[in-house]
C-alpha atoms as a PDB file:
ATOM      1  CA  UNK A   1       0.000   0.000   0.000  1.00  0.00           C
ATOM      2  CA  UNK A   2       1.230   3.506  -0.790  1.00  0.00           C
ATOM      3  CA  UNK A   3       1.887   5.755   2.152  1.00  0.00           C
ATOM      4  CA  UNK A   4      -0.051   8.995   2.457  1.00  0.00           C
ATOM      5  CA  UNK A   5       0.051  10.579   5.869  1.00  0.00           C
ATOM      6  CA  UNK A   6      -2.765  12.910   6.844  1.00  0.00           C
ATOM      7  CA  UNK A   7      -0.414  15.894   6.963  1.00  0.00           C
ATOM      8  CA  UNK A   8       0.554  15.217   3.330  1.00  0.00           C
ATOM      9  CA  UNK A   9      -3.068  14.804   2.349  1.00  0.00           C
ATOM     10  CA  UNK A  10      -4.006  18.119   3.939  1.00  0.00           C
ATOM     11  CA  UNK A  11      -1.371  19.869   1.841  1.00  0.00           C
ATOM     12  CA  UNK A  12      -3.071  18.711  -1.346  1.00  0.00           C
ATOM     13  CA  UNK A  13      -5.939  21.108  -0.543  1.00  0.00           C
ATOM     14  CA  UNK A  14      -8.387  19.175  -2.718  1.00  0.00           C
ATOM     15  CA  UNK A  15     -11.348  20.814  -1.066  1.00  0.00           C
ATOM     16  CA  UNK A  16      -9.803  24.073  -0.002  1.00  0.00           C
ATOM     17  CA  UNK A  17      -8.577  25.382  -3.330  1.00  0.00           C
ATOM     18  CA  UNK A  18      -4.967  24.932  -2.254  1.00  0.00           C
ATOM     19  CA  UNK A  19      -5.388  26.212   1.285  1.00  0.00           C
ATOM     20  CA  UNK A  20      -3.885  24.223   4.121  1.00  0.00           C
ATOM     21  CA  UNK A  21      -6.490  23.222   6.705  1.00  0.00           C
ATOM     22  CA  UNK A  22      -5.006  22.692  10.146  1.00  0.00           C
ATOM     23  CA  UNK A  23      -6.484  19.785  12.076  1.00  0.00           C
ATOM     24  CA  UNK A  24      -6.892  19.219  15.783  1.00  0.00           C
ATOM     25  CA  UNK A  25      -6.244  15.812  17.368  1.00  0.00           C
ATOM     26  CA  UNK A  26      -8.810  13.354  16.031  1.00  0.00           C
ATOM     27  CA  UNK A  27      -9.209  10.446  18.376  1.00  0.00           C
ATOM     28  CA  UNK A  28     -12.561  10.419  20.127  1.00  0.00           C
ATOM     29  CA  UNK A  29     -13.615  13.867  18.990  1.00  0.00           C
ATOM     30  CA  UNK A  30     -14.422  15.814  15.867  1.00  0.00           C
ATOM     31  CA  UNK A  31     -12.528  18.408  13.861  1.00  0.00           C
ATOM     32  CA  UNK A  32     -14.603  21.462  13.183  1.00  0.00           C
ATOM     33  CA  UNK A  33     -14.199  23.667  10.136  1.00  0.00           C
ATOM     34  CA  UNK A  34     -16.814  26.283   9.387  1.00  0.00           C
ATOM     35  CA  UNK A  35     -15.564  26.749   5.831  1.00  0.00           C
ATOM     36  CA  UNK A  36     -18.407  25.906   3.473  1.00  0.00           C
ATOM     37  CA  UNK A  37     -17.842  24.178   0.169  1.00  0.00           C
ATOM     38  CA  UNK A  38     -19.075  25.735  -3.060  1.00  0.00           C
ATOM     39  CA  UNK A  39     -21.389  23.770  -5.341  1.00  0.00           C
ATOM     40  CA  UNK A  40     -23.039  24.529  -8.674  1.00  0.00           C
ATOM     41  CA  UNK A  41     -26.785  24.977  -8.968  1.00  0.00           C
ATOM     42  CA  UNK A  42     -28.609  22.782 -11.485  1.00  0.00           C
ATOM     43  CA  UNK A  43     -30.261  24.493 -14.423  1.00  0.00           C
ATOM     44  CA  UNK A  44     -34.048  24.168 -14.748  1.00  0.00           C
ATOM     45  CA  UNK A  45     -34.833  20.594 -15.749  1.00  0.00           C
ATOM     46  CA  UNK A  46     -31.289  19.418 -15.035  1.00  0.00           C
ATOM     47  CA  UNK A  47     -30.852  16.445 -12.684  1.00  0.00           C
ATOM     48  CA  UNK A  48     -28.852  17.419  -9.576  1.00  0.00           C
ATOM     49  CA  UNK A  49     -26.041  15.296  -8.174  1.00  0.00           C
ATOM     50  CA  UNK A  50     -27.069  15.959  -4.579  1.00  0.00           C
ATOM     51  CA  UNK A  51     -30.480  16.883  -3.194  1.00  0.00           C
ATOM     52  CA  UNK A  52     -31.179  17.978   0.376  1.00  0.00           C
ATOM     53  CA  UNK A  53     -34.396  18.690   2.198  1.00  0.00           C
ATOM     54  CA  UNK A  54     -34.875  20.329   5.588  1.00  0.00           C
ATOM     55  CA  UNK A  55     -37.199  19.062   8.276  1.00  0.00           C
ATOM     56  CA  UNK A  56     -37.418  16.127  10.645  1.00  0.00           C
ATOM     57  CA  UNK A  57     -40.470  14.437   9.111  1.00  0.00           C
ATOM     58  CA  UNK A  58     -39.306  11.599   6.803  1.00  0.00           C
ATOM     59  CA  UNK A  59     -42.894  10.674   5.963  1.00  0.00           C
ATOM     60  CA  UNK A  60     -43.426  14.054   4.306  1.00  0.00           C
ATOM     61  CA  UNK A  61     -39.931  14.693   3.018  1.00  0.00           C
ATOM     62  CA  UNK A  62     -38.371  11.584   1.493  1.00  0.00           C
ATOM     63  CA  UNK A  63     -40.733  11.296  -1.452  1.00  0.00           C
ATOM     64  CA  UNK A  64     -40.189  15.004  -2.220  1.00  0.00           C
ATOM     65  CA  UNK A  65     -36.452  14.545  -1.796  1.00  0.00           C
ATOM     66  CA  UNK A  66     -36.349  11.867  -4.499  1.00  0.00           C
ATOM     67  CA  UNK A  67     -38.492  13.701  -7.048  1.00  0.00           C
ATOM     68  CA  UNK A  68     -35.608  15.718  -8.583  1.00  0.00           C
ATOM     69  CA  UNK A  69     -33.730  12.424  -9.048  1.00  0.00           C
ATOM     70  CA  UNK A  70     -36.658  10.896 -10.927  1.00  0.00           C
ATOM     71  CA  UNK A  71     -38.581   9.510  -7.959  1.00  0.00           C
ATOM     72  CA  UNK A  72     -38.273   6.069  -6.423  1.00  0.00           C
ATOM     73  CA  UNK A  73     -39.503   4.576  -9.701  1.00  0.00           C
ATOM     74  CA  UNK A  74     -36.261   5.553 -11.412  1.00  0.00           C
ATOM     75  CA  UNK A  75     -34.395   3.266  -9.002  1.00  0.00           C
ATOM     76  CA  UNK A  76     -36.841   0.462  -8.197  1.00  0.00           C
ATOM     77  CA  UNK A  77     -38.885  -1.433 -10.777  1.00  0.00           C
ATOM     78  CA  UNK A  78     -41.771  -3.835 -10.242  1.00  0.00           C
ATOM     79  CA  UNK A  79     -40.612  -7.318  -9.311  1.00  0.00           C
ATOM     80  CA  UNK A  80     -37.137  -6.290  -8.193  1.00  0.00           C
ATOM     81  CA  UNK A  81     -35.508  -7.101  -4.874  1.00  0.00           C
ATOM     82  CA  UNK A  82     -34.082  -4.202  -2.876  1.00  0.00           C
ATOM     83  CA  UNK A  83     -31.241  -4.330  -0.365  1.00  0.00           C
ATOM     84  CA  UNK A  84     -30.999  -1.645   2.317  1.00  0.00           C
ATOM     85  CA  UNK A  85     -27.747  -0.930   4.132  1.00  0.00           C
ATOM     86  CA  UNK A  86     -28.666   0.695   7.440  1.00  0.00           C
ATOM     87  CA  UNK A  87     -26.536   1.851  10.371  1.00  0.00           C
ATOM     88  CA  UNK A  88     -28.627   0.330  13.169  1.00  0.00           C
ATOM     89  CA  UNK A  89     -26.362  -1.329  15.790  1.00  0.00           C
ATOM     90  CA  UNK A  90     -26.069   1.564  18.231  1.00  0.00           C
ATOM     91  CA  UNK A  91     -28.441   2.830  20.926  1.00  0.00           C
ATOM     92  CA  UNK A  92     -27.884   6.589  21.242  1.00  0.00           C
ATOM     93  CA  UNK A  93     -29.695   9.001  18.868  1.00  0.00           C
ATOM     94  CA  UNK A  94     -27.313  10.594  16.386  1.00  0.00           C
ATOM     95  CA  UNK A  95     -25.260   7.410  16.200  1.00  0.00           C
ATOM     96  CA  UNK A  96     -27.764   5.302  14.249  1.00  0.00           C
ATOM     97  CA  UNK A  97     -29.990   5.830  11.219  1.00  0.00           C
ATOM     98  CA  UNK A  98     -33.425   6.926  12.371  1.00  0.00           C
ATOM     99  CA  UNK A  99     -35.732   3.930  11.823  1.00  0.00           C
ATOM    100  CA  UNK A 100     -38.496   6.145  10.447  1.00  0.00           C
ATOM    101  CA  UNK A 101     -36.215   7.061   7.529  1.00  0.00           C
ATOM    102  CA  UNK A 102     -35.694   3.384   6.731  1.00  0.00           C
ATOM    103  CA  UNK A 103     -39.373   2.475   7.028  1.00  0.00           C
ATOM    104  CA  UNK A 104     -40.406   5.276   4.679  1.00  0.00           C
ATOM    105  CA  UNK A 105     -37.784   4.253   2.109  1.00  0.00           C
ATOM    106  CA  UNK A 106     -38.868   0.622   2.389  1.00  0.00           C
ATOM    107  CA  UNK A 107     -42.513   1.622   1.974  1.00  0.00           C
ATOM    108  CA  UNK A 108     -41.720   3.660  -1.143  1.00  0.00           C
ATOM    109  CA  UNK A 109     -39.884   0.667  -2.607  1.00  0.00           C
ATOM    110  CA  UNK A 110     -42.890  -1.551  -1.935  1.00  0.00           C
ATOM    111  CA  UNK A 111     -45.173   1.011  -3.559  1.00  0.00           C
ATOM    112  CA  UNK A 112     -42.897   0.919  -6.607  1.00  0.00           C
ATOM    113  CA  UNK A 113     -43.480  -2.843  -6.817  1.00  0.00           C
ATOM    114  CA  UNK A 114     -40.444  -4.278  -5.035  1.00  0.00           C
ATOM    115  CA  UNK A 115     -40.904  -7.989  -4.395  1.00  0.00           C
ATOM    116  CA  UNK A 116     -38.467  -8.189  -1.492  1.00  0.00           C
ATOM    117  CA  UNK A 117     -36.877  -5.750   0.959  1.00  0.00           C
ATOM    118  CA  UNK A 118     -33.678  -6.979   2.602  1.00  0.00           C
ATOM    119  CA  UNK A 119     -31.743  -5.246   5.378  1.00  0.00           C
ATOM    120  CA  UNK A 120     -28.350  -6.871   5.000  1.00  0.00           C
ATOM    121  CA  UNK A 121     -27.450  -6.605   8.681  1.00  0.00           C
ATOM    122  CA  UNK A 122     -30.068  -7.712  11.226  1.00  0.00           C
ATOM    123  CA  UNK A 123     -31.397  -4.750  13.172  1.00  0.00           C
ATOM    124  CA  UNK A 124     -30.477  -4.041  16.783  1.00  0.00           C
ATOM    125  CA  UNK A 125     -33.084  -5.276  19.260  1.00  0.00           C
ATOM    126  CA  UNK A 126     -35.944  -2.756  19.555  1.00  0.00           C
ATOM    127  CA  UNK A 127     -34.446  -0.680  16.746  1.00  0.00           C
ATOM    128  CA  UNK A 128     -37.704  -0.269  14.818  1.00  0.00           C
ATOM    129  CA  UNK A 129     -39.717   0.603  17.910  1.00  0.00           C
ATOM    130  CA  UNK A 130     -37.585   3.711  18.500  1.00  0.00           C
ATOM    131  CA  UNK A 131     -39.239   5.472  15.572  1.00  0.00           C
ATOM    132  CA  UNK A 132     -42.312   7.663  15.851  1.00  0.00           C
ATOM    133  CA  UNK A 133     -43.877   5.900  12.859  1.00  0.00           C
ATOM    134  CA  UNK A 134     -43.418   2.323  14.060  1.00  0.00           C
ATOM    135  CA  UNK A 135     -47.097   1.621  14.747  1.00  0.00           C
ATOM    136  CA  UNK A 136     -48.196   3.100  11.438  1.00  0.00           C
ATOM    137  CA  UNK A 137     -45.592   1.228   9.392  1.00  0.00           C
ATOM    138  CA  UNK A 138     -45.266  -1.939  11.447  1.00  0.00           C
ATOM    139  CA  UNK A 139     -46.636  -3.945   8.521  1.00  0.00           C
ATOM    140  CA  UNK A 140     -43.750  -2.662   6.391  1.00  0.00           C
ATOM    141  CA  UNK A 141     -41.212  -3.645   9.051  1.00  0.00           C
ATOM    142  CA  UNK A 142     -42.711  -7.142   9.165  1.00  0.00           C
ATOM    143  CA  UNK A 143     -42.006  -7.591   5.447  1.00  0.00           C
ATOM    144  CA  UNK A 144     -38.307  -6.781   5.801  1.00  0.00           C
ATOM    145  CA  UNK A 145     -35.958  -9.740   5.521  1.00  0.00           C
ATOM    146  CA  UNK A 146     -32.388  -9.891   6.808  1.00  0.00           C
ATOM    147  CA  UNK A 147     -29.029 -11.152   5.659  1.00  0.00           C
ATOM    148  CA  UNK A 148     -28.264 -14.758   6.456  1.00  0.00           C
ATOM    149  CA  UNK A 149     -25.092 -16.617   5.572  1.00  0.00           C
ATOM    150  CA  UNK A 150     -21.777 -15.096   4.526  1.00  0.00           C
ATOM    151  CA  UNK A 151     -19.857 -15.726   1.346  1.00  0.00           C
ATOM    152  CA  UNK A 152     -16.298 -14.872   0.357  1.00  0.00           C
ATOM    153  CA  UNK A 153     -15.828 -12.067  -2.162  1.00  0.00           C
ATOM    154  CA  UNK A 154     -12.595 -11.273  -3.955  1.00  0.00           C
ATOM    155  CA  UNK A 155     -11.508  -7.644  -4.424  1.00  0.00           C
ATOM    156  CA  UNK A 156      -8.900  -7.837  -7.221  1.00  0.00           C
ATOM    157  CA  UNK A 157      -8.289  -4.079  -7.350  1.00  0.00           C
ATOM    158  CA  UNK A 158      -8.122  -3.666  -3.593  1.00  0.00           C
ATOM    159  CA  UNK A 159      -4.881  -2.188  -2.276  1.00  0.00           C
ATOM    160  CA  UNK A 160      -5.024  -3.254   1.377  1.00  0.00           C
ATOM    161  CA  UNK A 161      -8.170  -5.393   1.345  1.00  0.00           C
ATOM    162  CA  UNK A 162      -8.140  -8.203  -1.224  1.00  0.00           C
ATOM    163  CA  UNK A 163     -11.125 -10.239  -0.017  1.00  0.00           C
ATOM    164  CA  UNK A 164     -14.039  -9.957   2.360  1.00  0.00           C
ATOM    165  CA  UNK A 165     -16.732 -12.085   3.958  1.00  0.00           C
ATOM    166  CA  UNK A 166     -20.064 -10.497   3.044  1.00  0.00           C
ATOM    167  CA  UNK A 167     -23.765 -11.277   3.294  1.00  0.00           C
ATOM    168  CA  UNK A 168     -24.649 -13.358   0.240  1.00  0.00           C
ATOM    169  CA  UNK A 169     -27.757 -11.232  -0.321  1.00  0.00           C
ATOM    170  CA  UNK A 170     -25.516  -8.265  -1.083  1.00  0.00           C
ATOM    171  CA  UNK A 171     -24.741  -9.689  -4.509  1.00  0.00           C
ATOM    172  CA  UNK A 172     -28.226 -11.090  -5.064  1.00  0.00           C
ATOM    173  CA  UNK A 173     -30.492  -8.047  -4.724  1.00  0.00           C
ATOM    174  CA  UNK A 174     -31.372  -6.087  -7.862  1.00  0.00           C
ATOM    175  CA  UNK A 175     -31.182  -2.655  -6.219  1.00  0.00           C
ATOM    176  CA  UNK A 176     -28.822  -1.478  -3.489  1.00  0.00           C
ATOM    177  CA  UNK A 177     -29.803   1.550  -1.370  1.00  0.00           C
ATOM    178  CA  UNK A 178     -27.414   2.942   1.243  1.00  0.00           C
ATOM    179  CA  UNK A 179     -29.108   4.629   4.243  1.00  0.00           C
ATOM    180  CA  UNK A 180     -26.462   5.697   6.781  1.00  0.00           C
ATOM    181  CA  UNK A 181     -26.496   8.381   9.436  1.00  0.00           C
ATOM    182  CA  UNK A 182     -23.889  11.134   9.028  1.00  0.00           C
ATOM    183  CA  UNK A 183     -21.631  11.021  12.080  1.00  0.00           C
ATOM    184  CA  UNK A 184     -18.150  11.171  13.545  1.00  0.00           C
ATOM    185  CA  UNK A 185     -15.986   8.045  13.633  1.00  0.00           C
ATOM    186  CA  UNK A 186     -12.866   7.836  15.818  1.00  0.00           C
ATOM    187  CA  UNK A 187     -11.008   5.660  13.328  1.00  0.00           C
ATOM    188  CA  UNK A 188     -11.647   7.521  10.078  1.00  0.00           C
ATOM    189  CA  UNK A 189     -13.173  10.888  11.088  1.00  0.00           C
ATOM    190  CA  UNK A 190     -16.480  10.516   9.233  1.00  0.00           C
ATOM    191  CA  UNK A 191     -18.981   7.699   8.777  1.00  0.00           C
ATOM    192  CA  UNK A 192     -21.534   7.779   5.974  1.00  0.00           C
ATOM    193  CA  UNK A 193     -22.032   5.776   2.803  1.00  0.00           C
ATOM    194  CA  UNK A 194     -18.417   4.669   2.361  1.00  0.00           C
ATOM    195  CA  UNK A 195     -17.708   3.705   5.971  1.00  0.00           C
ATOM    196  CA  UNK A 196     -21.204   2.237   6.222  1.00  0.00           C
ATOM    197  CA  UNK A 197     -20.257  -0.443   3.701  1.00  0.00           C
ATOM    198  CA  UNK A 198     -18.673  -2.316   6.606  1.00  0.00           C
ATOM    199  CA  UNK A 199     -22.241  -3.253   7.515  1.00  0.00           C
ATOM    200  CA  UNK A 200     -22.267  -5.887   4.768  1.00  0.00           C
ATOM    201  CA  UNK A 201     -19.021  -7.550   5.874  1.00  0.00           C
ATOM    202  CA  UNK A 202     -18.409  -9.924   8.766  1.00  0.00           C
ATOM    203  CA  UNK A 203     -16.888  -9.109  12.147  1.00  0.00           C
ATOM    204  CA  UNK A 204     -13.815 -11.088  11.095  1.00  0.00           C
ATOM    205  CA  UNK A 205     -13.350  -8.967   7.965  1.00  0.00           C
ATOM    206  CA  UNK A 206     -14.040  -5.720   9.827  1.00  0.00           C
ATOM    207  CA  UNK A 207     -11.531  -6.533  12.548  1.00  0.00           C
ATOM    208  CA  UNK A 208      -8.865  -7.159   9.915  1.00  0.00           C
ATOM    209  CA  UNK A 209      -9.721  -3.856   8.252  1.00  0.00           C
ATOM    210  CA  UNK A 210      -8.684  -1.972  11.375  1.00  0.00           C
ATOM    211  CA  UNK A 211      -5.032  -3.024  11.277  1.00  0.00           C
ATOM    212  CA  UNK A 212      -2.729  -5.217   9.148  1.00  0.00           C
ATOM    213  CA  UNK A 213      -2.297  -7.671  12.042  1.00  0.00           C
ATOM    214  CA  UNK A 214      -6.027  -7.973  12.778  1.00  0.00           C
ATOM    215  CA  UNK A 215      -5.875  -5.942  15.978  1.00  0.00           C
ATOM    216  CA  UNK A 216      -9.048  -3.976  16.663  1.00  0.00           C
ATOM    217  CA  UNK A 217      -7.658  -0.466  16.957  1.00  0.00           C
ATOM    218  CA  UNK A 218      -8.371   3.043  15.720  1.00  0.00           C
ATOM    219  CA  UNK A 219      -4.675   3.906  15.556  1.00  0.00           C
ATOM    220  CA  UNK A 220      -4.158   2.638  11.978  1.00  0.00           C
ATOM    221  CA  UNK A 221      -6.205   5.424  10.395  1.00  0.00           C
ATOM    222  CA  UNK A 222      -4.609   5.255   6.964  1.00  0.00           C
ATOM    223  CA  UNK A 223      -4.915   1.469   6.732  1.00  0.00           C
ATOM    224  CA  UNK A 224      -8.585   1.544   7.785  1.00  0.00           C
ATOM    225  CA  UNK A 225      -9.380   4.303   5.293  1.00  0.00           C
ATOM    226  CA  UNK A 226      -7.790   2.341   2.449  1.00  0.00           C
ATOM    227  CA  UNK A 227      -9.615  -0.857   3.420  1.00  0.00           C
ATOM    228  CA  UNK A 228     -12.934   1.004   3.470  1.00  0.00           C
ATOM    229  CA  UNK A 229     -12.276   2.361  -0.012  1.00  0.00           C
ATOM    230  CA  UNK A 230     -11.275  -1.132  -1.184  1.00  0.00           C
ATOM    231  CA  UNK A 231     -14.441  -2.690   0.255  1.00  0.00           C
ATOM    232  CA  UNK A 232     -16.547  -0.200  -1.695  1.00  0.00           C
ATOM    233  CA  UNK A 233     -15.177  -1.661  -4.937  1.00  0.00           C
ATOM    234  CA  UNK A 234     -17.513  -4.629  -4.429  1.00  0.00           C
ATOM    235  CA  UNK A 235     -20.606  -2.670  -5.436  1.00  0.00           C
ATOM    236  CA  UNK A 236     -21.717   0.959  -5.556  1.00  0.00           C
ATOM    237  CA  UNK A 237     -25.142   1.921  -4.216  1.00  0.00           C
ATOM    238  CA  UNK A 238     -27.818   2.687  -6.770  1.00  0.00           C
ATOM    239  CA  UNK A 239     -29.169   5.316  -4.394  1.00  0.00           C
ATOM    240  CA  UNK A 240     -27.764   6.993  -1.276  1.00  0.00           C
ATOM    241  CA  UNK A 241     -30.071   8.512   1.342  1.00  0.00           C
ATOM    242  CA  UNK A 242     -28.252  10.026   4.325  1.00  0.00           C
ATOM    243  CA  UNK A 243     -29.977  10.736   7.617  1.00  0.00           C
ATOM    244  CA  UNK A 244     -28.612  14.079   8.805  1.00  0.00           C
ATOM    245  CA  UNK A 245     -31.521  14.915  11.097  1.00  0.00           C
ATOM    246  CA  UNK A 246     -29.434  14.352  14.238  1.00  0.00           C
ATOM    247  CA  UNK A 247     -25.721  13.628  13.929  1.00  0.00           C
ATOM    248  CA  UNK A 248     -22.934  12.700  16.331  1.00  0.00           C
ATOM    249  CA  UNK A 249     -19.899  14.951  16.080  1.00  0.00           C
ATOM    250  CA  UNK A 250     -17.741  13.225  18.698  1.00  0.00           C
ATOM    251  CA  UNK A 251     -16.976   9.787  20.116  1.00  0.00           C
ATOM    252  CA  UNK A 252     -18.302   7.841  17.149  1.00  0.00           C
ATOM    253  CA  UNK A 253     -19.229   5.259  16.179  1.00  0.00           C
ATOM    254  CA  UNK A 254     -21.156   4.332  19.340  1.00  0.00           C
ATOM    255  CA  UNK A 255     -21.120   7.351  21.662  1.00  0.00           C
ATOM    256  CA  UNK A 256     -22.055   8.837  24.016  1.00  0.00           C
ATOM    257  CA  UNK A 257     -20.879  12.197  22.785  1.00  0.00           C
ATOM    258  CA  UNK A 258     -21.944  15.528  21.392  1.00  0.00           C
ATOM    259  CA  UNK A 259     -24.627  15.667  18.712  1.00  0.00           C
ATOM    260  CA  UNK A 260     -25.993  18.384  16.444  1.00  0.00           C
ATOM    261  CA  UNK A 261     -29.306  18.608  14.606  1.00  0.00           C
ATOM    262  CA  UNK A 262     -28.879  19.804  11.008  1.00  0.00           C
ATOM    263  CA  UNK A 263     -32.439  18.621  10.372  1.00  0.00           C
ATOM    264  CA  UNK A 264     -31.740  17.411   6.839  1.00  0.00           C
ATOM    265  CA  UNK A 265     -32.043  14.327   4.682  1.00  0.00           C
ATOM    266  CA  UNK A 266     -29.671  14.044   1.718  1.00  0.00           C
ATOM    267  CA  UNK A 267     -29.907  11.972  -1.451  1.00  0.00           C
ATOM    268  CA  UNK A 268     -27.848  11.244  -4.548  1.00  0.00           C
ATOM    269  CA  UNK A 269     -26.420   8.492  -6.710  1.00  0.00           C
ATOM    270  CA  UNK A 270     -22.743   9.115  -5.967  1.00  0.00           C
ATOM    271  CA  UNK A 271     -21.717   7.792  -2.514  1.00  0.00           C
ATOM    272  CA  UNK A 272     -18.509   9.823  -2.380  1.00  0.00           C
ATOM    273  CA  UNK A 273     -20.137  13.085  -3.450  1.00  0.00           C
ATOM    274  CA  UNK A 274     -22.945  12.635  -0.932  1.00  0.00           C
ATOM    275  CA  UNK A 275     -20.436  11.827   1.821  1.00  0.00           C
ATOM    276  CA  UNK A 276     -18.343  14.909   1.027  1.00  0.00           C
ATOM    277  CA  UNK A 277     -21.431  17.115   1.360  1.00  0.00           C
ATOM    278  CA  UNK A 278     -22.667  15.318   4.495  1.00  0.00           C
ATOM    279  CA  UNK A 279     -19.306  15.548   6.262  1.00  0.00           C
ATOM    280  CA  UNK A 280     -19.026  19.271   5.628  1.00  0.00           C
ATOM    281  CA  UNK A 281     -22.626  19.764   6.763  1.00  0.00           C
ATOM    282  CA  UNK A 282     -21.618  18.676  10.261  1.00  0.00           C
ATOM    283  CA  UNK A 283     -18.365  20.696  10.115  1.00  0.00           C
ATOM    284  CA  UNK A 284     -15.870  17.985   9.162  1.00  0.00           C
ATOM    285  CA  UNK A 285     -13.751  19.258   6.304  1.00  0.00           C
ATOM    286  CA  UNK A 286     -13.392  16.603   3.586  1.00  0.00           C
ATOM    287  CA  UNK A 287      -9.635  17.154   3.339  1.00  0.00           C
ATOM    288  CA  UNK A 288      -9.356  15.508   6.753  1.00  0.00           C
ATOM    289  CA  UNK A 289     -11.073  12.282   5.634  1.00  0.00           C
ATOM    290  CA  UNK A 290      -8.561   9.955   3.991  1.00  0.00           C
ATOM    291  CA  UNK A 291     -11.345   7.570   2.995  1.00  0.00           C
ATOM    292  CA  UNK A 292     -12.570  10.188   0.509  1.00  0.00           C
ATOM    293  CA  UNK A 293      -9.173  10.512  -1.154  1.00  0.00           C
ATOM    294  CA  UNK A 294      -8.725   6.749  -1.497  1.00  0.00           C
ATOM    295  CA  UNK A 295     -12.288   6.294  -2.796  1.00  0.00           C
ATOM    296  CA  UNK A 296     -11.677   8.990  -5.404  1.00  0.00           C
ATOM    297  CA  UNK A 297      -8.481   7.261  -6.503  1.00  0.00           C
ATOM    298  CA  UNK A 298     -10.530   4.091  -6.979  1.00  0.00           C
ATOM    299  CA  UNK A 299     -12.962   5.980  -9.231  1.00  0.00           C
ATOM    300  CA  UNK A 300     -15.841   5.537  -6.803  1.00  0.00           C
ATOM    301  CA  UNK A 301     -17.234   9.038  -7.217  1.00  0.00           C
ATOM    302  CA  UNK A 302     -16.591  12.757  -7.484  1.00  0.00           C
ATOM    303  CA  UNK A 303     -14.665  14.518  -4.732  1.00  0.00           C
ATOM    304  CA  UNK A 304     -14.669  18.097  -6.080  1.00  0.00           C
ATOM    305  CA  UNK A 305     -17.767  20.083  -5.024  1.00  0.00           C
ATOM    306  CA  UNK A 306     -17.126  22.550  -7.847  1.00  0.00           C
ATOM    307  CA  UNK A 307     -18.053  19.810 -10.320  1.00  0.00           C
ATOM    308  CA  UNK A 308     -21.273  18.840  -8.554  1.00  0.00           C
ATOM    309  CA  UNK A 309     -24.799  20.233  -8.799  1.00  0.00           C
ATOM    310  CA  UNK A 310     -26.564  20.743  -5.467  1.00  0.00           C
ATOM    311  CA  UNK A 311     -30.307  21.309  -5.065  1.00  0.00           C
ATOM    312  CA  UNK A 312     -31.573  22.397  -1.649  1.00  0.00           C
ATOM    313  CA  UNK A 313     -35.314  22.031  -1.120  1.00  0.00           C
END
């Protein structure tokens, strides 16, 4: 693996137009940069790369959010199976995807004619009941299936990660939708679509992504970032929907820690572009996130906001 220390990465100034962004110590806490990135606005009738909507009501907002991207019907066709990748293991708000967001997405997929809805990783106990809409959409939750056995997957173009144990359903579903929460992560600064991909891989694989010797540590930041980028080579999401209603900005992935409430939901087709926007939304500058650089080098998406069209509803 090539060596790229964070201090060298910061000097590249990919996001800052050549400016050097000075970082504070990372472990256990966030780095806060108020500098806002500059995006293009889509022309009338032009499809945006990223769409955001404000408000904490997924039932009202998610359908509207997807309209500029062609609606759920442009992603899910009748008779198709849909896989949802959800960040659900944790217990503190801001550290897990709000279940109402997932239920509304699942319901829209069913309305579009999806034959199966699969959450790759089984949900944390009582996860669904934490949502305000659980009673109303309980019938949707009861239709959701979960990942079962693992299979081995080769990653020929991986730099640090050459193979992974993944849920077999990951390769079987017709449509893949990523639904993470935007939050801090002590090992790689930011967790969103790219980091969330570790939800499809086994504990054994994830442990070996944290360090070359399989030690579960957050000290090998560069190695973890490269492994995350490598894992994302397996399959890109067809649709990314990021929960940025309440977000952890310290002590991720599990908390407890400080949270903020941007009150937004974000959508797009490009997992890297959506992550870059989401990270900056909660004041993490993308230059600090090595995962973004490595994902860009793999051709997994666009890293330059100046080349992306943003629509804010």
